[in-house]
Protein backbone atom coordinates (compact mmCIF):
# COMPACT_ATOMS: atom_id res chain seq x y z
CA UNK A 1 222.96 150.82 -27.79
CA UNK A 2 223.57 147.40 -26.19
CA UNK A 3 221.80 144.73 -27.08
CA UNK A 4 220.18 142.86 -23.06
CA UNK A 5 219.34 138.98 -25.15
CA UNK A 6 216.07 138.70 -24.73
CA UNK A 7 215.01 141.79 -23.10
CA UNK A 8 216.09 144.51 -25.96
CA UNK A 9 218.17 147.57 -27.01
CA UNK A 10 218.90 150.40 -24.54
CA UNK A 11 221.04 153.42 -24.88
CA UNK A 12 223.82 153.65 -22.84
CA UNK A 13 226.75 156.20 -22.36
CA UNK A 14 230.40 154.93 -20.12
CA UNK A 15 233.38 157.20 -19.01
CA UNK A 16 235.77 156.87 -17.21
CA UNK A 17 238.44 154.40 -16.11
CA UNK A 18 237.67 150.89 -15.03
CA UNK A 19 239.89 149.97 -11.81
CA UNK A 20 240.24 146.69 -10.55
CA UNK A 21 238.45 145.25 -7.33
CA UNK A 22 236.22 148.58 -7.68
CA UNK A 23 232.55 148.99 -8.25
CA UNK A 24 231.08 150.98 -11.46
CA UNK A 25 228.55 154.08 -10.56
CA UNK A 26 225.75 153.37 -12.23
CA UNK A 27 223.41 156.68 -12.69
CA UNK A 28 219.77 156.16 -12.63
CA UNK A 29 217.43 159.62 -14.18
CA UNK A 30 214.47 160.55 -12.88
CA UNK A 31 210.46 160.57 -14.42
CA UNK A 32 210.19 161.92 -17.90
CA UNK A 33 214.10 162.42 -17.84
CA UNK A 34 217.13 160.52 -19.54
CA UNK A 35 220.28 159.86 -18.96
CA UNK A 36 222.02 162.80 -20.30
CA UNK A 37 219.34 165.40 -19.37
CA UNK A 38 219.26 164.24 -15.72
CA UNK A 39 223.15 163.22 -15.74
CA UNK A 40 225.25 164.89 -18.11
CA UNK A 41 226.96 167.94 -15.87
CA UNK A 42 228.14 164.71 -13.69
CA UNK A 43 229.88 162.84 -16.10
CA UNK A 44 232.97 164.36 -15.96
CA UNK A 45 233.87 164.48 -12.19
CA UNK A 46 232.44 161.37 -11.55
CA UNK A 47 234.27 160.30 -14.50
CA UNK A 48 237.31 161.42 -12.28
CA UNK A 49 236.62 158.82 -9.40
CA UNK A 50 235.34 156.09 -11.12
CA UNK A 51 234.14 154.23 -14.14
CA UNK A 52 230.59 156.01 -14.55
CA UNK A 53 227.63 154.08 -16.54
CA UNK A 54 224.65 155.55 -17.79
CA UNK A 55 221.56 154.70 -19.46
CA UNK A 56 217.75 155.63 -20.50
CA UNK A 57 215.43 153.28 -18.66
CA UNK A 58 213.23 152.02 -20.35
CA UNK A 59 210.18 153.55 -22.55
CA UNK A 60 212.48 156.91 -21.64
CA UNK A 61 214.35 158.65 -24.92
CA UNK A 62 216.48 155.87 -26.34
CA UNK A 63 215.49 153.17 -23.47
CA UNK A 64 214.51 149.37 -24.18
CA UNK A 65 210.77 149.54 -25.51
CA UNK A 66 208.84 146.69 -24.38
CA UNK A 67 204.86 145.89 -24.79
CA UNK A 68 204.84 144.70 -21.72
CA UNK A 69 202.99 147.70 -18.78
CA UNK A 70 205.70 149.50 -17.49
CA UNK A 71 207.58 148.02 -13.80
CA UNK A 72 210.33 149.46 -11.69
CA UNK A 73 211.11 145.70 -10.78
CA UNK A 74 211.53 145.84 -14.62
CA UNK A 75 214.10 148.53 -14.79
CA UNK A 76 216.36 147.25 -12.03
CA UNK A 77 216.13 143.82 -14.18
CA UNK A 78 217.12 145.85 -16.98
CA UNK A 79 220.21 147.07 -14.85
CA UNK A 80 221.09 143.78 -13.34
CA UNK A 81 221.07 142.45 -16.52
CA UNK A 82 223.44 145.27 -18.46
CA UNK A 83 226.06 144.47 -15.73
CA UNK A 84 226.31 141.29 -16.90
CA UNK A 85 226.27 141.83 -20.36
CA UNK A 86 229.37 144.67 -19.91
CA UNK A 87 230.72 142.64 -17.77
CA UNK A 88 231.07 145.13 -14.43
CA UNK A 89 232.55 144.10 -11.71
CA UNK A 90 230.26 145.36 -9.15
CA UNK A 91 228.06 148.18 -9.55
CA UNK A 92 226.98 151.30 -6.78
CA UNK A 93 223.54 152.55 -8.43
CA UNK A 94 223.54 155.76 -8.07
CA UNK A 95 219.52 157.03 -8.14
CA UNK A 96 217.94 160.05 -8.67
CA UNK A 97 213.93 160.51 -8.04
CA UNK A 98 212.50 157.75 -10.08
CA UNK A 99 216.42 156.34 -10.43
CA UNK A 100 216.34 156.05 -6.90
CA UNK A 101 212.94 153.49 -6.33
CA UNK A 102 215.12 151.29 -9.30
CA UNK A 103 218.10 151.38 -7.31
CA UNK A 104 216.52 149.97 -4.11
CA UNK A 105 215.23 147.83 -5.90
CA UNK A 106 218.26 146.65 -7.67
CA UNK A 107 219.63 146.00 -3.95
CA UNK A 108 216.80 143.86 -2.97
CA UNK A 109 216.69 142.27 -6.19
CA UNK A 110 220.47 141.90 -7.46
CA UNK A 111 222.48 141.88 -3.57
CA UNK A 112 225.16 140.45 -5.26
CA UNK A 113 225.86 142.58 -7.56
CA UNK A 114 225.17 145.60 -5.32
CA UNK A 115 228.41 147.38 -3.15
CA UNK A 116 226.36 150.20 -2.76
CA UNK A 117 224.13 152.79 -3.18
CA UNK A 118 223.45 156.65 -3.67
CA UNK A 119 219.97 157.53 -3.63
CA UNK A 120 218.81 161.77 -4.61
CA UNK A 121 216.06 163.40 -4.44
CA UNK A 122 214.68 160.32 -3.10
CA UNK A 123 212.22 158.36 -1.08
CA UNK A 124 210.24 155.46 0.26
CA UNK A 125 207.43 156.43 -1.35
CA UNK A 126 205.84 159.41 -3.47
CA UNK A 127 201.97 159.03 -1.77
CA UNK A 128 202.37 160.83 1.52
CA UNK A 129 199.93 163.68 1.23
CA UNK A 130 196.05 164.12 -0.44
CA UNK A 131 197.86 165.95 -3.08
CA UNK A 132 199.80 162.75 -4.13
CA UNK A 133 197.24 160.68 -4.21
CA UNK A 134 194.88 162.23 -6.68
CA UNK A 135 198.27 163.50 -8.66
CA UNK A 136 198.96 159.48 -8.78
CA UNK A 137 195.68 158.33 -8.97
CA UNK A 138 195.18 160.34 -12.03
CA UNK A 139 198.01 158.95 -13.92
CA UNK A 140 196.64 155.54 -13.07
CA UNK A 141 194.03 156.18 -14.97
CA UNK A 142 195.50 157.62 -17.40
CA UNK A 143 197.94 155.02 -17.80
CA UNK A 144 194.91 152.27 -18.62
CA UNK A 145 193.94 154.01 -21.82
CA UNK A 146 196.97 154.59 -22.81
CA UNK A 147 197.81 152.19 -25.37
CA UNK A 148 194.31 152.58 -26.40
CA UNK A 149 194.72 155.81 -27.00
CA UNK A 150 194.25 157.14 -31.08
CA UNK A 151 198.01 158.42 -31.89
CA UNK A 152 197.71 161.67 -33.02
CA UNK A 153 196.55 162.01 -29.25
CA UNK A 154 199.08 160.44 -27.45
CA UNK A 155 201.51 162.71 -29.89
CA UNK A 156 200.23 165.84 -28.62
CA UNK A 157 199.83 164.93 -25.36
CA UNK A 158 203.66 163.56 -25.60
CA UNK A 159 204.78 166.68 -27.14
CA UNK A 160 202.72 168.80 -24.11
CA UNK A 161 204.15 166.72 -21.38
CA UNK A 162 207.70 167.49 -22.94
CA UNK A 163 207.07 171.19 -23.57
CA UNK A 164 206.16 171.16 -19.83
CA UNK A 165 209.02 168.95 -17.86
CA UNK A 166 211.59 171.59 -20.18
CA UNK A 167 210.26 174.55 -19.15
CA UNK A 168 210.33 173.93 -15.49
CA UNK A 169 213.94 172.56 -15.84
CA UNK A 170 214.57 175.81 -17.98
CA UNK A 171 217.23 174.17 -20.58
CA UNK A 172 218.42 174.36 -24.20
CA UNK A 173 216.38 173.15 -26.55
CA UNK A 174 218.60 170.61 -26.75
CA UNK A 175 216.05 169.37 -23.84
CA UNK A 176 213.19 168.93 -26.49
CA UNK A 177 215.24 166.84 -28.94
CA UNK A 178 216.28 164.72 -26.17
CA UNK A 179 213.11 163.35 -24.97
CA UNK A 180 211.38 163.47 -27.97
CA UNK A 181 212.03 159.67 -28.39
CA UNK A 182 209.81 159.01 -24.95
CA UNK A 183 207.07 156.65 -25.29
CA UNK A 184 204.30 158.37 -23.74
CA UNK A 185 202.40 154.99 -22.27
CA UNK A 186 205.44 154.00 -20.43
CA UNK A 187 205.74 156.92 -19.47
CA UNK A 188 202.32 157.36 -17.65
CA UNK A 189 202.60 153.77 -16.41
CA UNK A 190 206.00 154.79 -14.67
CA UNK A 191 204.29 157.32 -13.12
CA UNK A 192 201.62 155.23 -12.07
CA UNK A 193 204.23 152.90 -10.89
CA UNK A 194 206.18 155.52 -8.47
CA UNK A 195 202.55 156.31 -6.85
CA UNK A 196 202.57 152.66 -6.10
CA UNK A 197 205.95 151.98 -5.01
CA UNK A 198 206.85 151.34 -0.94
CA UNK A 199 210.09 150.23 -0.11
CA UNK A 200 208.69 150.48 3.89
CA UNK A 201 208.52 147.25 4.57
CA UNK A 202 212.81 146.35 3.41
CA UNK A 203 214.61 149.53 2.73
CA UNK A 204 215.93 148.62 6.75
CA UNK A 205 217.71 145.86 5.59
CA UNK A 206 220.04 147.65 3.59
CA UNK A 207 223.58 146.59 4.47
CA UNK A 208 225.90 147.97 1.81
CA UNK A 209 227.38 151.78 2.36
CA UNK A 210 225.14 154.22 1.64
CA UNK A 211 224.58 157.72 1.00
CA UNK A 212 221.39 159.64 0.63
CA UNK A 213 222.08 163.06 -1.24
CA UNK A 214 218.92 165.95 0.22
CA UNK A 215 217.78 168.23 -1.81
CA UNK A 216 216.39 170.99 0.64
CA UNK A 217 214.16 173.20 -1.09
CA UNK A 218 212.58 170.70 -2.60
CA UNK A 219 208.51 170.51 -3.42
CA UNK A 220 208.28 167.20 -5.45
CA UNK A 221 210.02 164.99 -2.92
CA UNK A 222 209.58 166.66 0.52
CA UNK A 223 212.68 167.09 2.81
CA UNK A 224 211.25 165.34 4.94
CA UNK A 225 210.67 162.40 3.42
CA UNK A 226 214.23 162.40 2.41
CA UNK A 227 215.38 162.41 5.75
CA UNK A 228 212.94 159.51 6.64
CA UNK A 229 214.63 157.02 3.69
CA UNK A 230 218.03 157.77 5.09
CA UNK A 231 217.61 157.50 8.75
CA UNK A 232 215.73 154.06 8.08
CA UNK A 233 219.15 153.13 6.03
CA UNK A 234 221.59 151.72 8.78
CA UNK A 235 224.40 154.01 9.22
CA UNK A 236 223.57 156.33 5.92
CA UNK A 237 225.35 159.31 5.03
CA UNK A 238 222.85 162.19 4.69
CA UNK A 239 224.40 165.71 2.99
CA UNK A 240 222.17 168.27 2.13
CA UNK A 241 222.12 171.16 -1.23
CA UNK A 242 220.03 173.78 -1.10
CA UNK A 243 218.42 173.17 -4.49
CA UNK A 244 214.80 172.26 -6.00
CA UNK A 245 213.97 168.61 -7.47
CA UNK A 246 216.14 169.14 -10.39
CA UNK A 247 219.40 170.80 -8.48
CA UNK A 248 221.73 168.58 -11.18
CA UNK A 249 220.94 170.46 -14.27
CA UNK A 250 219.91 173.21 -12.83
CA UNK A 251 221.72 173.97 -10.09
CA UNK A 252 225.34 171.57 -10.83
CA UNK A 253 227.94 174.44 -8.39
CA UNK A 254 225.94 173.33 -5.39
CA UNK A 255 224.77 169.66 -6.47
CA UNK A 256 227.99 168.33 -7.77
CA UNK A 257 230.16 168.81 -4.64
CA UNK A 258 227.34 166.82 -2.69
CA UNK A 259 227.67 164.53 -4.49
CA UNK A 260 231.25 163.43 -5.09
CA UNK A 261 230.85 163.77 -1.02
CA UNK A 262 228.43 160.64 -1.26
CA UNK A 263 230.82 159.50 -3.81
CA UNK A 264 233.54 159.20 -1.68
CA UNK A 265 231.81 158.10 1.40
CA UNK A 266 230.27 154.09 -0.45
CA UNK A 267 233.43 154.06 -2.90
CA UNK A 268 235.99 154.59 0.32
CA UNK A 269 233.69 152.53 2.91
């Protein structure tokens, strides 16, 4: 646990050696996941390439807790504060799905700290279809009343949400324990924040080495949206993986080589 002055505590893992003049990879997980649940197959291979930092984002797992409404901007500011607290020379955010939105915001809000970007299974926005609109509008309504709901109802809803998400991942029972600490209200607010996010107006200004890892069988973030993100960022490298949205934990034999390719491109640029 790392204490961020004025912000709170969050859970952090570190692996690999720090190398002078070389930035650290900061792994940012997806919605309803945790650092371990999202990235566990990647820790060892990435640590052979660079210093690695992975943390639970606010409201998720053992992440920072706040009485304030969840925002992706606050997540980005948390990571910038963490980089200062750990005395990191520079960072390359590696964002997966929701973590990719946080990574984009890190570049926009803290450009001095960001030396590259790796964006995985993510997009410029998540509201492309009528179905998306219905889903995220529903989350927004639930988030609006979430903090008013009785504790037992929140606990029951969280248990059901955890059950559905971990069943989709097909992981061992440890995953249930890993996400049992989620803050349901923050999760609902995070889902609403994802639906409100858009980087259309500024993502084309990115001026650091960037790689976009595209999951080509993804039904959560359609591949064409991922490709549009890559096409918008000047000189971004694209690496495609034949896998669905849960590629890292479910198909690591396919995802990890693509991720290492992206890392080589960004750190070698």
